[in-house]
């Protein structure tokens, strides 16, 4: 009986070690893929940020050139044209009525 338990425990330990090794291998693969994607995303962000910076400096130059001519027009061009939609949260004032009405 003890011998069978010892054999079962050894087999179980071997399976657990194999499973642990597989999990570690998968984790290593995931890390390499993750870092590869991360580096690619960083490079793409750097390129996009450089483009945005170029556009910003171009707008700033045109602003300073036109600021002498028409100051407010130059300022209006700096402000984006899109108006953000503001969602109102909560209940409206009409909905705030007392739940009990007293009639005299």
Protein backbone atom coordinates (compact mmCIF):
# COMPACT_ATOMS: atom_id res chain seq x y z
CA UNK A 1 0.00 0.00 0.00
CA UNK A 2 2.77 2.47 0.92
CA UNK A 3 4.68 1.50 -2.17
CA UNK A 4 1.68 2.30 -4.41
CA UNK A 5 1.20 5.67 -2.73
CA UNK A 6 4.88 6.47 -3.20
CA UNK A 7 4.66 5.60 -6.92
CA UNK A 8 1.49 7.72 -7.33
CA UNK A 9 3.14 10.63 -5.57
CA UNK A 10 6.20 10.39 -7.82
CA UNK A 11 3.99 10.34 -10.94
CA UNK A 12 1.98 13.27 -9.65
CA UNK A 13 5.17 15.20 -8.91
CA UNK A 14 6.49 14.49 -12.43
CA UNK A 15 3.20 15.73 -13.98
CA UNK A 16 3.29 18.86 -11.84
CA UNK A 17 6.90 19.58 -12.82
CA UNK A 18 6.04 19.07 -16.50
CA UNK A 19 3.00 21.34 -16.18
CA UNK A 20 5.09 23.98 -14.41
CA UNK A 21 7.74 23.79 -17.15
CA UNK A 22 5.07 24.25 -19.84
CA UNK A 23 3.59 27.22 -18.01
CA UNK A 24 7.03 28.83 -17.73
CA UNK A 25 7.68 28.27 -21.45
CA UNK A 26 4.35 29.85 -22.35
CA UNK A 27 5.12 32.78 -20.07
CA UNK A 28 8.49 33.30 -21.75
CA UNK A 29 6.88 33.24 -25.20
CA UNK A 30 4.22 35.69 -24.03
CA UNK A 31 6.89 38.03 -22.65
CA UNK A 32 8.88 38.04 -25.90
CA UNK A 33 5.74 38.72 -27.97
CA UNK A 34 4.59 41.38 -25.51
CA UNK A 35 7.93 43.24 -25.60
CA UNK A 36 8.07 43.00 -29.39
CA UNK A 37 4.59 44.58 -29.64
CA UNK A 38 5.49 47.14 -26.98
CA UNK A 39 8.63 48.25 -28.86
CA UNK A 40 6.64 48.50 -32.09
CA UNK A 41 3.96 50.58 -30.36
CA UNK A 42 6.64 52.85 -28.87
CA UNK A 43 8.20 53.42 -32.27
CA UNK A 44 4.80 54.19 -33.79
CA UNK A 45 4.05 56.62 -30.97
CA UNK A 46 7.39 58.36 -31.47
CA UNK A 47 6.67 58.83 -35.17
CA UNK A 48 3.14 60.09 -34.48
CA UNK A 49 4.39 62.47 -31.79
CA UNK A 50 7.04 63.88 -34.12
CA UNK A 51 4.37 64.54 -36.75
CA UNK A 52 2.12 66.21 -34.19
CA UNK A 53 5.04 68.30 -33.00
CA UNK A 54 5.80 69.43 -36.57
CA UNK A 55 2.17 70.45 -37.05
CA UNK A 56 2.18 72.28 -33.74
CA UNK A 57 5.29 74.28 -34.64
CA UNK A 58 3.87 75.09 -38.08
CA UNK A 59 0.66 76.36 -36.48
CA UNK A 60 2.68 78.36 -33.97
CA UNK A 61 4.70 79.99 -36.75
CA UNK A 62 1.56 80.92 -38.68
CA UNK A 63 0.03 82.23 -35.46
CA UNK A 64 2.96 84.55 -34.82
CA UNK A 65 2.95 85.72 -38.42
CA UNK A 66 -0.78 86.49 -38.42
CA UNK A 67 -0.96 87.76 -34.85
CA UNK A 68 0.39 91.14 -35.94
CA UNK A 69 -2.29 91.48 -38.63
CA UNK A 70 -5.41 90.21 -36.89
CA UNK A 71 -4.86 89.04 -33.36
CA UNK A 72 -8.27 87.53 -32.58
CA UNK A 73 -8.49 85.68 -35.88
CA UNK A 74 -5.14 84.04 -35.15
CA UNK A 75 -6.33 83.03 -31.68
CA UNK A 76 -9.57 81.60 -33.11
CA UNK A 77 -7.56 79.37 -35.43
CA UNK A 78 -5.72 77.85 -32.46
CA UNK A 79 -8.96 76.71 -30.85
CA UNK A 80 -10.36 73.44 -32.26
CA UNK A 81 -13.66 73.75 -34.13
CA UNK A 82 -15.25 70.67 -32.59
CA UNK A 83 -17.51 71.31 -29.64
CA UNK A 84 -17.46 68.45 -27.14
CA UNK A 85 -20.81 66.96 -26.27
CA UNK A 86 -21.55 67.32 -22.60
CA UNK A 87 -23.84 64.71 -21.16
CA UNK A 88 -25.93 65.77 -18.23
CA UNK A 89 -26.14 63.20 -15.50
CA UNK A 90 -28.72 62.80 -12.82
CA UNK A 91 -32.43 63.42 -12.73
CA UNK A 92 -34.06 66.55 -14.01
CA UNK A 93 -35.73 69.05 -11.70
CA UNK A 94 -39.19 67.97 -12.88
CA UNK A 95 -38.57 64.47 -11.60
CA UNK A 96 -37.85 65.72 -8.08
CA UNK A 97 -41.37 65.84 -6.76
CA UNK A 98 -42.37 64.75 -3.28
CA UNK A 99 -43.57 61.17 -3.10
CA UNK A 100 -46.34 62.05 -0.65
CA UNK A 101 -48.80 64.84 -1.42
CA UNK A 102 -50.76 66.32 1.48
CA UNK A 103 -54.28 67.50 0.64
CA UNK A 104 -55.99 69.79 3.16
